[in-house]
Structure formats: structure tokens, C-alpha cells
Amino acid sequence: MEFKADALVLRSADYRENDRIVTLLTAERGKLSATMKGVRKAGAKLNFASQPFCFAEYVFAEKGGRCTVTGASLHDGFYGLREDIAALYGAACVTQASDLLLYEGMHGGALLVAAVRALGELSAGEGSGAVVRFFVRALALAGYPVAADFCPVCGAVPAGRMKFDMDRGIFTCAAHSDGVPASEATFAAVRAALGEGEGTEDGNLRALRLLGAYFREKTETEPKALGEYLHLLTPLH
């Protein structure tokens, strides 16, 4: 059986002498693994479609539950990522988080849109704010939303010293939660990712540390690329 699907390469691994196995994020089938034959040969026409961050329409041949890529038409290769090491690491955060959040067979349309949007923003030079927006959106799609509006106990907008409740994914006034400490800059960055106000670069990095901890708490997985991204950016600020 042959079928087509728009897909984003999440990861790629060499296989046998000249092949690769790609893990793809698709709308209809969620996460999908497929073999790409001969793409490591010099001049292979489908080599581009086996590269990380490639977004294309793929043609698959499916037999016995296994998929082989037989063709691809490029939508976007996000080539700007290769010109900025920070953007490249940020893109790795996006694809790894997508890989960890999605299981094979799950519907992945909204996550695909969020991931492609984030890669486009990073490729265009939007920086860490794009990664914060992606994590906030992806966590919400996975059933772990983050709220940054009012303290649920007193109804006030948290200010100064505050806490983040890891169980409920909400910011509270410091006196109204046993959560982890959070800063105003972190709160502002998350609010900006949700479409309210503006964040700062320092706030984005703080927010990503918090969101990484929340990701680990909820998914029991480790987004290692996020730690590497933060390590890369922190000395610069």
C-alpha cells in the first residue's frame, strides 16, 4: 500500500551500508519510523529528506506494518538553522521534545504545526522566545498546560517572590503554595509565550529551566537537548 503524508524529521540513524531509518512526526499517524534506502550513497536524490529538521511531503510504501520512503517533495529545510549554532540547538530541543511527547499511532497534527512554526521562527532568528513558546504549546497539547495569570488562592497577579506548582502547572503567590520558587522574569516570559506582554532573554532562559523541570515531572523523561541549549546560552548572558 502506498500513502503520502506531510512529515518532519525528528531523528535519523544510519542503517546497513547505505540506508537510514528516520523517525518522522506526521499529522495523521503521529510518530512514524521508516526506512530510506540508498540515501547515504553519493548523489542520492532523497538524501535531503533523511536530514534532521527536514519538513516535506513523503511518499511511503507500507508492507507488513513496515514503511519505506519512496519519494519526497520538500516544504522547508530550515537552512537558517545551520548558520546559527544557538538556533540549531534550539531546533534540537523542539524535535527531541516532540519525539518524547508523542507515541506511534497518536494523532500529531497540532504538534506538527507547533514544531514547524518553532523551527521557522528559530531559522528566522527569533531565538529563545521561540523555544519557550513551543514548550508551552507542546506541554498543553500533551495534557500538561501551564497557566500564568492569577493566583488561584487570592486572585491576585503574582508579583515579586512567587512559586510554581508542579502538580497543577500554575504560578502562585509565594505564601499560597509549596511549589518551587519562581521569578517575575520567569512569570513574564511564560505570559509572553501565552500571548500576554513581553519577556526578556534572561526571563526566557529562566522559563526554560522551569519548563524543563515541569516536563521531567510530568513525562518522566529527560529533554537532554534543552540542558545543552541552556548550557550554550547561559555563558553569553
Protein backbone atom coordinates (compact mmCIF):
# COMPACT_ATOMS: atom_id res chain seq x y z
CA MET A 1 0.00 0.00 0.00
CA GLU A 2 1.23 3.49 -0.85
CA PHE A 3 0.34 6.67 1.03
CA LYS A 4 1.52 10.27 1.36
CA ALA A 5 1.95 12.43 4.45
CA ASP A 6 3.47 15.77 5.39
CA ALA A 7 6.17 14.95 7.90
CA LEU A 8 9.03 16.47 9.91
CA VAL A 9 12.24 14.52 10.56
CA LEU A 10 12.74 14.20 14.32
CA ARG A 11 15.84 12.00 14.13
CA SER A 12 17.79 9.91 11.69
CA ALA A 13 20.09 6.92 12.14
CA ASP A 14 22.43 5.15 9.72
CA TYR A 15 21.31 1.63 8.84
CA ARG A 16 23.20 -1.07 6.98
CA GLU A 17 25.69 0.15 4.39
CA ASN A 18 23.81 2.93 2.60
CA ASP A 19 20.41 3.26 4.27
CA ARG A 20 18.92 5.36 7.05
CA ILE A 21 15.99 4.92 9.40
CA VAL A 22 14.11 8.15 10.04
CA THR A 23 11.66 8.96 12.80
CA LEU A 24 9.04 11.32 11.46
CA LEU A 25 6.31 13.46 13.00
CA THR A 26 3.15 13.25 10.90
CA ALA A 27 -0.33 14.69 11.36
CA GLU A 28 -2.38 11.55 10.72
CA ARG A 29 -0.12 8.83 12.14
CA GLY A 30 1.74 10.73 14.80
CA LYS A 31 5.29 9.43 15.16
CA LEU A 32 6.31 7.12 12.33
CA SER A 33 9.52 5.18 11.64
CA ALA A 34 10.52 4.47 8.06
CA THR A 35 13.48 3.12 6.10
CA MET A 36 15.15 5.23 3.43
CA LYS A 37 17.16 3.02 1.10
CA GLY A 38 20.39 4.15 -0.54
CA VAL A 39 20.27 7.71 0.77
CA ARG A 40 23.87 7.60 2.02
CA LYS A 41 25.23 7.00 -1.46
CA ALA A 42 26.91 9.92 -3.22
CA GLY A 43 24.35 11.90 -5.17
CA ALA A 44 21.32 10.13 -3.64
CA LYS A 45 18.22 12.10 -4.65
CA LEU A 46 16.44 11.57 -1.32
CA ASN A 47 19.40 12.39 0.92
CA PHE A 48 17.82 15.76 1.80
CA ALA A 49 14.72 14.00 3.12
CA SER A 50 16.75 11.98 5.63
CA GLN A 51 18.29 15.05 7.28
CA PRO A 52 17.17 16.37 10.70
CA PHE A 53 14.59 19.18 10.56
CA CYS A 54 13.50 18.37 7.00
CA PHE A 55 9.81 19.15 6.50
CA ALA A 56 8.43 17.56 3.35
CA GLU A 57 5.63 15.60 1.76
CA TYR A 58 6.78 11.98 1.95
CA VAL A 59 5.61 9.07 -0.16
CA PHE A 60 5.59 5.74 1.67
CA ALA A 61 5.29 2.14 0.65
CA GLU A 62 3.85 0.09 3.52
CA LYS A 63 4.14 -3.67 3.71
CA GLY A 64 3.77 -5.94 6.70
CA GLY A 65 3.47 -2.96 9.03
CA ARG A 66 6.82 -1.52 7.89
CA CYS A 67 7.22 1.71 5.93
CA THR A 68 9.77 2.65 3.30
CA VAL A 69 10.14 6.17 1.91
CA THR A 70 9.96 6.07 -1.89
CA GLY A 71 9.72 9.80 -2.62
CA ALA A 72 9.66 13.24 -1.04
CA SER A 73 8.87 16.83 -2.01
CA LEU A 74 10.49 19.49 0.18
CA HIS A 75 8.37 22.05 2.01
CA ASP A 76 11.16 23.60 4.12
CA GLY A 77 14.66 22.56 5.13
CA PHE A 78 15.06 25.44 7.64
CA TYR A 79 18.54 26.09 6.31
CA GLY A 80 18.93 29.17 8.50
CA LEU A 81 19.43 26.82 11.44
CA ARG A 82 22.83 25.79 10.04
CA GLU A 83 24.04 29.38 10.20
CA ASP A 84 23.48 29.85 13.95
CA ILE A 85 24.67 27.28 16.49
CA ALA A 86 22.19 28.51 19.11
CA ALA A 87 19.30 28.18 16.65
CA LEU A 88 20.49 24.67 15.76
CA TYR A 89 20.50 23.64 19.42
CA GLY A 90 17.10 25.26 19.90
CA ALA A 91 15.76 23.24 16.97
CA ALA A 92 17.12 20.08 18.58
CA CYS A 93 15.08 20.95 21.68
CA VAL A 94 11.94 21.16 19.54
CA THR A 95 12.42 17.85 17.74
CA GLN A 96 13.53 15.93 20.84
CA ALA A 97 10.60 17.19 22.92
CA SER A 98 8.23 16.23 20.10
CA ASP A 99 9.79 12.78 19.98
CA LEU A 100 9.39 12.32 23.74
CA LEU A 101 5.81 13.59 23.90
CA LEU A 102 4.35 11.59 21.03
CA TYR A 103 3.82 7.86 20.65
CA GLU A 104 3.48 5.96 17.40
CA GLY A 105 -0.10 5.96 16.15
CA MET A 106 -1.17 9.08 18.08
CA HIS A 107 -2.66 11.98 16.13
CA GLY A 108 0.07 14.58 15.79
CA GLY A 109 -1.40 17.38 13.69
CA ALA A 110 -1.31 20.17 16.28
CA LEU A 111 2.15 19.20 17.50
CA LEU A 112 3.44 19.12 13.92
CA VAL A 113 2.12 22.65 13.35
CA ALA A 114 3.73 23.86 16.60
CA ALA A 115 7.08 22.23 15.80
CA VAL A 116 7.22 23.54 12.22
CA ARG A 117 6.29 27.03 13.42
CA ALA A 118 9.03 26.96 16.07
CA LEU A 119 11.66 25.78 13.58
CA GLY A 120 10.63 28.55 11.21
CA GLU A 121 10.95 31.15 13.96
CA LEU A 122 14.35 29.83 15.03
CA SER A 123 15.54 29.75 11.43
CA ALA A 124 14.46 33.39 11.09
CA GLY A 125 16.48 34.37 14.17
CA GLU A 126 13.76 34.71 16.80
CA GLY A 127 15.86 32.95 19.47
CA SER A 128 14.95 31.54 22.86
CA GLY A 129 11.44 33.02 22.90
CA ALA A 130 10.51 30.61 20.10
CA VAL A 131 11.64 27.67 22.23
CA VAL A 132 9.63 28.90 25.23
CA ARG A 133 6.53 29.27 23.06
CA PHE A 134 6.99 25.78 21.68
CA PHE A 135 7.39 24.14 25.09
CA VAL A 136 4.33 25.92 26.48
CA ARG A 137 2.27 24.86 23.47
CA ALA A 138 3.61 21.29 23.30
CA LEU A 139 3.06 20.67 27.02
CA ALA A 140 -0.53 21.92 26.71
CA LEU A 141 -1.14 19.58 23.75
CA ALA A 142 0.22 16.69 25.80
CA GLY A 143 -2.26 17.46 28.59
CA TYR A 144 0.09 19.44 30.84
CA PRO A 145 -0.90 23.10 30.38
CA VAL A 146 0.91 25.95 32.09
CA ALA A 147 -1.07 28.93 33.40
CA ALA A 148 0.38 32.36 34.17
CA ASP A 149 -2.47 34.66 35.10
CA PHE A 150 -3.89 34.85 38.61
CA CYS A 151 -3.01 33.16 41.89
CA PRO A 152 -5.77 30.58 42.36
CA VAL A 153 -5.87 31.22 46.12
CA CYS A 154 -6.11 35.01 46.40
CA GLY A 155 -6.95 36.00 42.82
CA ALA A 156 -4.08 38.48 42.53
CA VAL A 157 -1.50 38.53 39.78
CA PRO A 158 1.65 37.08 41.39
CA ALA A 159 4.48 39.58 41.83
CA GLY A 160 7.87 39.65 43.48
CA ARG A 161 8.63 36.32 45.09
CA MET A 162 6.31 33.62 43.82
CA LYS A 163 6.03 29.86 43.45
CA PHE A 164 5.28 27.44 40.63
CA ASP A 165 3.07 24.49 41.49
CA MET A 166 4.47 21.45 39.65
CA ASP A 167 1.29 19.45 40.21
CA ARG A 168 -1.07 21.99 38.67
CA GLY A 169 1.25 23.90 36.34
CA ILE A 170 0.36 27.31 37.79
CA PHE A 171 2.13 30.28 39.33
CA THR A 172 1.00 31.37 42.78
CA CYS A 173 1.91 33.99 45.34
CA ALA A 174 4.81 32.77 47.49
CA ALA A 175 2.62 32.30 50.56
CA HIS A 176 -0.03 30.25 48.80
CA SER A 177 1.85 27.22 47.50
CA ASP A 178 4.55 24.71 48.42
CA GLY A 179 5.83 24.82 44.85
CA VAL A 180 9.29 25.69 43.59
CA PRO A 181 10.50 29.31 43.71
CA ALA A 182 9.96 31.34 40.53
CA SER A 183 10.96 34.84 39.50
CA GLU A 184 8.99 37.69 37.98
CA ALA A 185 11.14 37.35 34.85
CA THR A 186 10.14 33.69 34.53
CA PHE A 187 6.47 34.56 35.01
CA ALA A 188 6.68 37.33 32.39
CA ALA A 189 8.36 35.02 29.87
CA VAL A 190 5.67 32.37 30.25
CA ARG A 191 2.93 35.02 29.99
CA ALA A 192 4.57 36.28 26.80
CA ALA A 193 4.58 32.73 25.40
CA LEU A 194 0.85 32.60 26.16
CA GLY A 195 0.30 35.87 24.28
CA GLU A 196 0.32 38.36 27.15
CA GLY A 197 3.01 41.02 27.45
CA GLU A 198 6.71 40.65 26.67
CA GLY A 199 9.54 38.63 28.13
CA THR A 200 13.29 39.16 28.27
CA GLU A 201 16.18 36.94 27.23
CA ASP A 202 17.04 36.29 30.89
CA GLY A 203 13.41 35.51 31.59
CA ASN A 204 13.29 33.10 28.64
CA LEU A 205 16.26 31.14 29.98
CA ARG A 206 14.74 31.04 33.45
CA ALA A 207 11.42 29.94 31.98
CA LEU A 208 13.10 27.14 30.01
CA ARG A 209 14.76 25.82 33.16
CA LEU A 210 11.38 25.75 34.87
CA LEU A 211 9.59 24.24 31.88
CA GLY A 212 12.30 21.60 31.60
CA ALA A 213 11.73 20.61 35.22
CA TYR A 214 7.97 20.56 34.64
CA PHE A 215 8.48 18.43 31.51
CA ARG A 216 10.52 15.91 33.53
CA GLU A 217 7.95 15.90 36.33
CA LYS A 218 5.01 15.20 34.04
CA THR A 219 6.53 12.91 31.41
CA GLU A 220 9.24 11.14 33.45
CA THR A 221 11.59 11.68 30.51
CA GLU A 222 14.68 13.85 30.16
CA PRO A 223 14.82 16.52 27.42
CA LYS A 224 18.62 16.44 27.27
CA ALA A 225 18.82 18.79 24.31
CA LEU A 226 17.23 21.52 26.45
CA GLY A 227 20.02 21.25 29.01
CA GLU A 228 22.61 21.55 26.24
CA TYR A 229 20.79 24.57 24.79
CA LEU A 230 20.72 26.31 28.15
CA HIS A 231 24.39 25.49 28.75
CA LEU A 232 25.22 27.05 25.39
CA LEU A 233 23.27 30.26 26.04
CA THR A 234 23.88 30.86 29.74
CA PRO A 235 27.57 31.92 29.48
CA LEU A 236 26.51 34.58 26.96
CA HIS A 237 24.24 36.28 29.46
